[in-house]
N, C-alpha and C. Protein backbone atom coordinates (compact mmCIF):
# COMPACT_ATOMS: atom_id res chain seq x y z
N UNK A 1 14.09 -2.90 29.64
CA UNK A 1 14.05 -4.65 29.96
C UNK A 1 14.37 -4.57 31.54
N UNK A 2 14.80 -5.89 32.41
CA UNK A 2 15.41 -5.57 33.96
C UNK A 2 17.37 -5.78 32.40
N UNK A 3 18.11 -5.93 33.33
CA UNK A 3 18.78 -6.67 32.77
C UNK A 3 19.42 -7.72 32.75
N UNK A 4 19.31 -8.49 32.31
CA UNK A 4 19.79 -9.96 32.65
C UNK A 4 20.78 -10.89 33.56
N UNK A 5 20.41 -11.91 33.76
CA UNK A 5 21.16 -12.79 34.77
C UNK A 5 21.59 -12.64 34.49
N UNK A 6 23.35 -13.18 35.86
CA UNK A 6 24.68 -13.63 35.53
C UNK A 6 25.56 -12.50 34.44
N UNK A 7 26.96 -12.54 33.94
CA UNK A 7 27.95 -12.15 32.73
C UNK A 7 27.30 -12.95 32.13
N UNK A 8 28.12 -12.29 30.78
CA UNK A 8 28.19 -12.70 29.31
C UNK A 8 29.53 -13.63 29.64
N UNK A 9 30.19 -13.83 28.42
CA UNK A 9 31.13 -15.42 28.46
C UNK A 9 32.15 -13.81 28.81
N UNK A 10 33.63 -14.59 28.85
CA UNK A 10 34.79 -13.68 28.83
C UNK A 10 35.27 -13.58 27.81
N UNK A 11 34.94 -14.11 26.30
CA UNK A 11 35.84 -14.17 25.33
C UNK A 11 34.48 -13.51 24.57
N UNK A 12 33.33 -13.17 24.69
CA UNK A 12 33.00 -12.16 24.02
C UNK A 12 32.85 -10.74 24.32
N UNK A 13 32.80 -10.59 25.90
CA UNK A 13 33.23 -9.54 26.74
C UNK A 13 34.87 -8.51 26.49
N UNK A 14 35.18 -9.78 26.00
CA UNK A 14 37.11 -9.56 25.38
C UNK A 14 36.73 -9.20 23.54
N UNK A 15 36.27 -8.96 23.04
CA UNK A 15 35.14 -9.06 21.54
C UNK A 15 34.97 -7.84 21.71
N UNK A 16 33.89 -7.92 22.97
CA UNK A 16 33.16 -6.18 22.48
C UNK A 16 34.72 -4.84 22.96
N UNK A 17 35.16 -5.98 23.76
CA UNK A 17 36.60 -4.20 24.48
C UNK A 17 37.06 -4.05 23.31
N UNK A 18 37.68 -5.44 22.57
CA UNK A 18 38.51 -4.76 21.48
C UNK A 18 38.43 -3.43 20.30
N UNK A 19 36.70 -4.79 20.15
CA UNK A 19 36.50 -3.30 18.79
C UNK A 19 36.10 -2.07 19.52
N UNK A 20 36.15 -1.76 20.52
CA UNK A 20 35.72 0.05 21.03
C UNK A 20 36.36 -0.28 21.49
N UNK A 21 37.82 -0.62 21.78
CA UNK A 21 39.38 0.20 21.87
C UNK A 21 39.05 0.83 19.92
N UNK A 22 39.45 -0.24 19.31
CA UNK A 22 39.70 0.45 17.80
C UNK A 22 38.88 0.96 17.72
N UNK A 23 37.32 1.68 17.57
CA UNK A 23 36.76 2.14 17.55
C UNK A 23 37.67 3.30 18.11
N UNK A 24 38.00 3.65 19.33
CA UNK A 24 38.12 4.78 20.06
C UNK A 24 39.46 5.35 19.84
N UNK A 25 40.78 4.68 20.21
CA UNK A 25 42.54 4.88 18.86
C UNK A 25 42.37 4.94 17.84
N UNK A 26 41.62 3.94 16.56
CA UNK A 26 42.40 3.69 15.30
C UNK A 26 40.38 4.69 14.70
N UNK A 27 39.25 5.21 15.16
CA UNK A 27 38.68 5.53 13.89
C UNK A 27 37.45 4.66 13.82
N UNK A 28 37.73 3.61 13.74
CA UNK A 28 37.58 2.31 13.24
C UNK A 28 35.52 2.54 13.26
N UNK A 29 35.33 2.59 11.90
CA UNK A 29 33.95 2.14 11.42
C UNK A 29 33.32 0.97 10.69
N UNK A 30 32.66 0.31 11.74
CA UNK A 30 32.32 -1.48 11.86
C UNK A 30 30.83 -0.57 10.56
N UNK A 31 30.31 -0.20 10.69
CA UNK A 31 29.32 0.27 9.96
C UNK A 31 30.16 0.05 7.80
N UNK A 32 30.73 1.22 8.45
CA UNK A 32 32.23 1.19 6.91
C UNK A 32 32.51 -0.11 6.26
N UNK A 33 33.16 -0.70 7.28
CA UNK A 33 33.48 -1.95 6.93
C UNK A 33 32.49 -2.85 6.50
N UNK A 34 31.74 -3.07 7.20
CA UNK A 34 30.26 -3.91 6.52
C UNK A 34 30.05 -2.94 5.28
N UNK A 35 29.94 -2.49 5.64
CA UNK A 35 28.65 -1.73 4.24
C UNK A 35 30.12 -2.13 2.89
N UNK A 36 31.45 -2.47 2.93
CA UNK A 36 32.35 -1.76 2.12
C UNK A 36 32.09 -3.76 1.47
N UNK A 37 31.93 -4.62 2.87
CA UNK A 37 32.11 -6.24 2.34
C UNK A 37 31.41 -6.27 1.02
N UNK A 38 32.01 -7.27 -0.16
CA UNK A 38 31.12 -7.88 -0.92
C UNK A 38 29.95 -8.32 -0.12
N UNK A 39 29.34 -9.29 0.49
CA UNK A 39 27.87 -10.27 0.61
C UNK A 39 26.99 -9.58 1.16
N UNK A 40 27.29 -7.55 1.94
CA UNK A 40 26.90 -7.18 2.24
C UNK A 40 25.84 -5.93 0.51
N UNK A 41 27.06 -6.21 -0.55
CA UNK A 41 26.16 -4.95 -1.62
C UNK A 41 25.09 -6.48 -2.10
N UNK A 42 25.35 -7.36 -2.16
CA UNK A 42 24.52 -8.24 -2.85
C UNK A 42 22.69 -7.83 -2.11
N UNK A 43 21.73 -7.90 -3.11
CA UNK A 43 20.65 -7.38 -2.35
C UNK A 43 19.28 -8.98 -2.10
N UNK A 44 19.90 -9.82 -1.58
CA UNK A 44 19.27 -10.58 -1.11
C UNK A 44 19.40 -10.44 0.49
N UNK A 45 20.68 -9.86 0.41
CA UNK A 45 21.50 -10.24 1.90
C UNK A 45 19.87 -10.53 3.18
N UNK A 46 19.67 -9.11 3.24
CA UNK A 46 18.33 -9.23 4.43
C UNK A 46 17.55 -10.14 4.92
N UNK A 47 17.13 -10.28 2.99
CA UNK A 47 16.39 -11.89 3.45
C UNK A 47 17.04 -13.14 3.44
N UNK A 48 17.96 -13.34 3.82
CA UNK A 48 18.78 -14.03 3.71
C UNK A 48 19.16 -14.09 5.37
N UNK A 49 19.58 -12.72 6.03
CA UNK A 49 19.08 -12.72 7.38
C UNK A 49 18.21 -13.13 8.00
N UNK A 50 17.48 -12.67 7.24
CA UNK A 50 16.04 -12.83 8.13
C UNK A 50 15.59 -13.95 8.59
N UNK A 51 16.05 -14.34 7.59
CA UNK A 51 15.32 -16.69 7.55
C UNK A 51 16.64 -17.11 7.98
N UNK A 52 17.99 -16.45 8.40
CA UNK A 52 18.91 -17.20 8.80
C UNK A 52 18.66 -17.08 10.20
N UNK A 53 18.75 -15.83 10.84
CA UNK A 53 18.39 -15.58 12.36
C UNK A 53 17.04 -15.41 12.80
N UNK A 54 15.34 -16.02 12.42
CA UNK A 54 14.47 -16.68 12.80
C UNK A 54 14.63 -14.60 13.34
N UNK A 55 14.43 -14.04 12.44
CA UNK A 55 13.99 -12.39 12.89
C UNK A 55 12.69 -12.46 12.55
N UNK A 56 11.49 -12.12 13.44
CA UNK A 56 10.51 -11.30 13.67
C UNK A 56 10.27 -10.23 13.12
N UNK A 57 10.12 -9.56 11.83
CA UNK A 57 10.62 -8.07 11.62
C UNK A 57 9.50 -7.51 11.43
N UNK A 58 8.51 -7.57 11.77
CA UNK A 58 6.86 -6.83 12.67
C UNK A 58 6.94 -7.06 14.75
N UNK A 59 8.53 -7.44 14.81
CA UNK A 59 7.86 -7.98 16.43
C UNK A 59 8.30 -7.33 16.93
N UNK A 60 7.71 -7.08 18.94
CA UNK A 60 8.24 -5.76 19.08
C UNK A 60 8.61 -6.26 20.65
N UNK A 61 9.00 -4.86 21.45
CA UNK A 61 9.47 -5.60 23.16
C UNK A 61 7.81 -5.32 23.68
N UNK A 62 7.14 -4.48 23.74
CA UNK A 62 6.32 -4.07 24.30
C UNK A 62 5.76 -5.19 25.04
N UNK A 63 4.82 -5.40 25.75
CA UNK A 63 4.07 -6.37 26.38
C UNK A 63 2.63 -6.80 25.71
N UNK A 64 2.66 -7.42 24.75
CA UNK A 64 1.52 -8.37 24.01
C UNK A 64 -0.08 -6.87 24.67
N UNK A 65 -0.27 -7.60 25.77
CA UNK A 65 -1.09 -5.98 26.47
C UNK A 65 -1.24 -4.79 26.12
N UNK A 66 -0.25 -4.57 25.55
CA UNK A 66 0.25 -2.92 25.69
C UNK A 66 0.51 -2.40 23.70
N UNK A 67 0.19 -3.24 23.15
CA UNK A 67 0.66 -3.59 21.61
C UNK A 67 1.58 -5.24 20.83
N UNK A 68 0.37 -5.57 20.26
CA UNK A 68 0.61 -7.16 19.91
C UNK A 68 0.69 -6.65 18.17
N UNK A 69 1.57 -6.50 16.92
CA UNK A 69 1.66 -6.19 16.02
C UNK A 69 1.16 -7.28 15.39
N UNK A 70 1.09 -8.54 16.17
CA UNK A 70 0.78 -9.77 15.17
C UNK A 70 -1.11 -9.86 15.04
N UNK A 71 -1.25 -8.94 16.21
CA UNK A 71 -3.11 -9.57 15.96
C UNK A 71 -3.99 -8.43 14.69
N UNK A 72 -3.07 -7.45 14.09
CA UNK A 72 -3.83 -6.34 12.66
C UNK A 72 -4.38 -8.14 11.58
N UNK A 73 -4.88 -8.35 11.49
CA UNK A 73 -6.23 -8.91 10.33
C UNK A 73 -5.12 -8.87 9.13
N UNK A 74 -5.21 -9.13 7.62
CA UNK A 74 -4.40 -9.56 6.69
C UNK A 74 -4.83 -8.22 6.17
N UNK A 75 -6.61 -7.86 5.89
CA UNK A 75 -7.03 -6.74 5.33
C UNK A 75 -6.59 -4.70 5.50
N UNK A 76 -6.53 -4.78 7.25
CA UNK A 76 -5.13 -3.50 8.07
C UNK A 76 -4.12 -3.02 7.18
N UNK A 77 -3.43 -4.62 6.53
CA UNK A 77 -2.59 -3.73 5.27
C UNK A 77 -2.57 -3.20 4.28
N UNK A 78 -1.35 -2.18 4.42
CA UNK A 78 -1.25 -1.53 2.95
C UNK A 78 -1.82 -1.88 1.37
N UNK A 79 -1.00 -3.10 1.02
CA UNK A 79 -1.47 -3.54 -0.20
C UNK A 79 -3.17 -4.49 0.16
N UNK A 80 -4.23 -4.85 1.17
CA UNK A 80 -5.50 -4.84 1.20
C UNK A 80 -5.45 -3.91 0.62
N UNK A 81 -5.94 -2.19 1.89
CA UNK A 81 -6.14 -1.17 1.71
C UNK A 81 -6.23 -0.42 0.17
N UNK A 82 -5.18 -0.47 -0.75
CA UNK A 82 -5.15 0.36 -1.23
C UNK A 82 -5.35 -0.70 -2.24
N UNK A 83 -5.86 -2.02 -2.44
CA UNK A 83 -6.40 -3.45 -3.62
C UNK A 83 -7.95 -2.42 -3.19
N UNK A 84 -8.53 -2.35 -2.12
CA UNK A 84 -9.96 -2.09 -1.83
C UNK A 84 -10.66 -0.48 -1.86
N UNK A 85 -9.51 -0.08 -1.98
CA UNK A 85 -9.31 1.57 -2.80
C UNK A 85 -9.72 1.40 -3.65
N UNK A 86 -8.53 1.06 -4.95
CA UNK A 86 -8.86 1.14 -6.17
C UNK A 86 -10.37 0.17 -6.68
N UNK A 87 -10.54 -0.71 -5.66
CA UNK A 87 -11.73 -0.93 -6.83
C UNK A 87 -13.43 -0.29 -6.14
N UNK A 88 -12.76 0.66 -5.25
CA UNK A 88 -13.97 1.31 -4.84
C UNK A 88 -13.71 2.16 -6.02
N UNK A 89 -12.72 3.38 -6.24
CA UNK A 89 -12.34 4.47 -7.14
C UNK A 89 -13.24 3.60 -7.75
N UNK A 90 -12.84 2.09 -8.83
CA UNK A 90 -13.28 1.40 -10.12
C UNK A 90 -15.07 1.25 -10.19
N UNK A 91 -15.34 1.23 -9.58
CA UNK A 91 -16.89 1.11 -9.88
C UNK A 91 -17.42 2.26 -9.32
N UNK A 92 -17.11 3.81 -8.76
CA UNK A 92 -17.57 4.88 -8.86
C UNK A 92 -16.72 5.68 -10.30
N UNK A 93 -15.91 5.63 -11.23
CA UNK A 93 -15.76 5.60 -12.50
C UNK A 93 -16.55 5.63 -13.08
N UNK A 94 -17.58 4.33 -13.12
CA UNK A 94 -18.07 3.19 -13.85
C UNK A 94 -19.33 4.22 -13.62
N UNK A 95 -20.10 4.39 -12.11
CA UNK A 95 -21.54 4.44 -12.06
C UNK A 95 -21.25 5.73 -12.66
N UNK A 96 -20.25 6.98 -12.50
CA UNK A 96 -20.18 8.50 -13.50
C UNK A 96 -19.97 8.11 -15.12
N UNK A 97 -19.44 7.16 -15.06
CA UNK A 97 -19.61 6.71 -17.02
C UNK A 97 -21.28 6.95 -17.95
N UNK A 98 -21.78 5.79 -16.65
CA UNK A 98 -23.10 5.24 -17.13
C UNK A 98 -23.58 6.32 -16.53
N UNK A 99 -23.87 7.71 -15.77
CA UNK A 99 -24.55 8.34 -15.39
C UNK A 99 -24.29 8.90 -16.42
N UNK A 100 -23.24 9.90 -17.12
CA UNK A 100 -23.26 10.57 -18.01
C UNK A 100 -23.66 10.49 -19.70
N UNK A 101 -24.25 9.59 -19.88
CA UNK A 101 -24.36 8.74 -20.90
C UNK A 101 -25.60 9.56 -21.50
N UNK A 102 -25.91 10.70 -22.08
CA UNK A 102 -27.30 11.57 -22.43
C UNK A 102 -26.84 10.98 -24.54
N UNK A 103 -28.23 10.73 -24.32
CA UNK A 103 -28.99 9.82 -25.87
C UNK A 103 -29.94 11.10 -26.72
N UNK A 104 -29.03 12.29 -27.68
CA UNK A 104 -30.29 12.55 -28.04
C UNK A 104 -30.49 12.18 -28.94
N UNK A 105 -32.04 13.21 -29.94
CA UNK A 105 -32.58 12.15 -30.76
C UNK A 105 -33.07 13.73 -31.61
N UNK A 106 -33.45 14.09 -32.78
CA UNK A 106 -32.66 14.84 -33.33
C UNK A 106 -35.10 15.08 -33.40
N UNK A 107 -35.76 15.99 -33.25
CA UNK A 107 -36.85 16.24 -33.84
C UNK A 107 -37.23 15.23 -34.64
N UNK A 108 -36.69 16.65 -35.65
CA UNK A 108 -37.70 15.97 -37.88
C UNK A 108 -36.66 15.34 -37.47
N UNK A 109 -36.92 14.48 -39.65
CA UNK A 109 -36.40 13.34 -39.73
C UNK A 109 -37.45 13.96 -41.11
N UNK A 110 -36.20 14.02 -42.18
CA UNK A 110 -37.05 14.65 -43.76
C UNK A 110 -37.36 12.87 -44.60
N UNK A 111 -38.88 13.69 -45.25
CA UNK A 111 -39.40 12.59 -45.73
C UNK A 111 -40.02 11.68 -44.83
N UNK A 112 -40.62 12.32 -43.80
CA UNK A 112 -41.62 12.02 -42.75
C UNK A 112 -42.91 12.52 -43.13
N UNK A 113 -43.93 11.99 -42.55
CA UNK A 113 -45.12 11.80 -41.93
C UNK A 113 -45.61 13.05 -41.24
N UNK A 114 -45.78 14.25 -40.97
CA UNK A 114 -46.18 15.32 -39.78
C UNK A 114 -46.83 13.88 -38.03
N UNK A 115 -47.33 13.62 -38.08
CA UNK A 115 -47.69 12.32 -36.29
C UNK A 115 -46.01 11.60 -37.00
N UNK A 116 -45.10 11.00 -37.68
CA UNK A 116 -44.29 10.87 -37.18
C UNK A 116 -42.81 11.73 -36.80
N UNK A 117 -43.12 12.93 -36.76
CA UNK A 117 -42.30 13.99 -36.52
C UNK A 117 -42.17 14.35 -34.71
N UNK A 118 -43.87 14.31 -34.45
CA UNK A 118 -44.21 14.78 -32.95
C UNK A 118 -44.08 13.85 -32.54
N UNK A 119 -43.93 12.77 -33.18
CA UNK A 119 -43.99 11.07 -32.03
C UNK A 119 -42.22 11.25 -31.53
N UNK A 120 -41.71 11.55 -32.73
CA UNK A 120 -40.16 11.34 -32.15
C UNK A 120 -39.18 13.31 -31.86
N UNK A 121 -40.16 14.51 -31.60
CA UNK A 121 -40.03 15.43 -30.32
C UNK A 121 -40.14 14.76 -29.44
N UNK A 122 -41.70 14.20 -29.23
CA UNK A 122 -41.43 14.00 -27.85
C UNK A 122 -40.86 12.98 -27.44
N UNK A 123 -40.90 11.72 -28.02
CA UNK A 123 -39.62 11.11 -27.52
C UNK A 123 -37.51 11.65 -27.60
N UNK A 124 -37.92 12.92 -27.50
CA UNK A 124 -36.44 13.63 -27.57
C UNK A 124 -37.06 14.11 -26.26
N UNK A 125 -38.25 15.53 -26.16
CA UNK A 125 -38.19 16.19 -25.41
C UNK A 125 -37.82 15.48 -24.12
N UNK A 126 -38.83 14.30 -23.57
CA UNK A 126 -38.75 13.59 -23.03
C UNK A 126 -37.22 12.87 -22.11
N UNK A 127 -36.66 12.53 -23.84
CA UNK A 127 -34.75 12.04 -23.00
C UNK A 127 -34.20 13.75 -22.36
N UNK A 128 -34.74 14.92 -22.99
CA UNK A 128 -33.44 15.86 -22.06
C UNK A 128 -34.32 15.98 -20.71
N UNK A 129 -35.43 16.18 -20.73
CA UNK A 129 -35.85 15.79 -18.83
C UNK A 129 -35.79 15.11 -18.51
N UNK A 130 -35.05 13.55 -18.44
CA UNK A 130 -34.85 12.84 -18.01
C UNK A 130 -33.44 13.13 -17.82
N UNK A 131 -32.36 13.73 -18.36
CA UNK A 131 -31.21 14.37 -18.67
C UNK A 131 -31.12 15.26 -17.08
N UNK A 132 -31.68 15.95 -17.34
CA UNK A 132 -31.76 17.55 -16.14
C UNK A 132 -32.26 16.67 -15.15
N UNK A 133 -33.22 15.52 -14.65
CA UNK A 133 -33.85 15.38 -13.65
C UNK A 133 -32.63 14.58 -12.71
N UNK A 134 -31.69 13.95 -13.76
CA UNK A 134 -30.41 13.10 -12.92
C UNK A 134 -29.97 13.77 -12.54
N UNK A 135 -29.78 15.20 -13.14
CA UNK A 135 -28.59 15.67 -13.13
C UNK A 135 -29.00 17.04 -10.75
């Protein structure tokens, strides 16, 4: 981006110079100092900072015609994609379970007449043939 017009305030410039001098002379590490503060260890500090400073977490410095992160719909994010994938996998599992159910019937039942046994045998062989066709 282009350089901002004008100069920053003298107060801000002095503060930055003092911090830079401390870093160079004393080896001061601002990240270490911030991490040691009690407020930093607060797990909700990030959310509070984002809210307090009105930060757009998915914002960008690119021009909107080059890249606009807000142009994506909700179903493009990983939560929605994972949900859709899980739904499809559940459908496939259910279809696979229904497809693999094969019912076997015994061919001869004790104590029945010959005509009933032949009917049962025909049903059994038809069921087996149907199962083989599905494969």
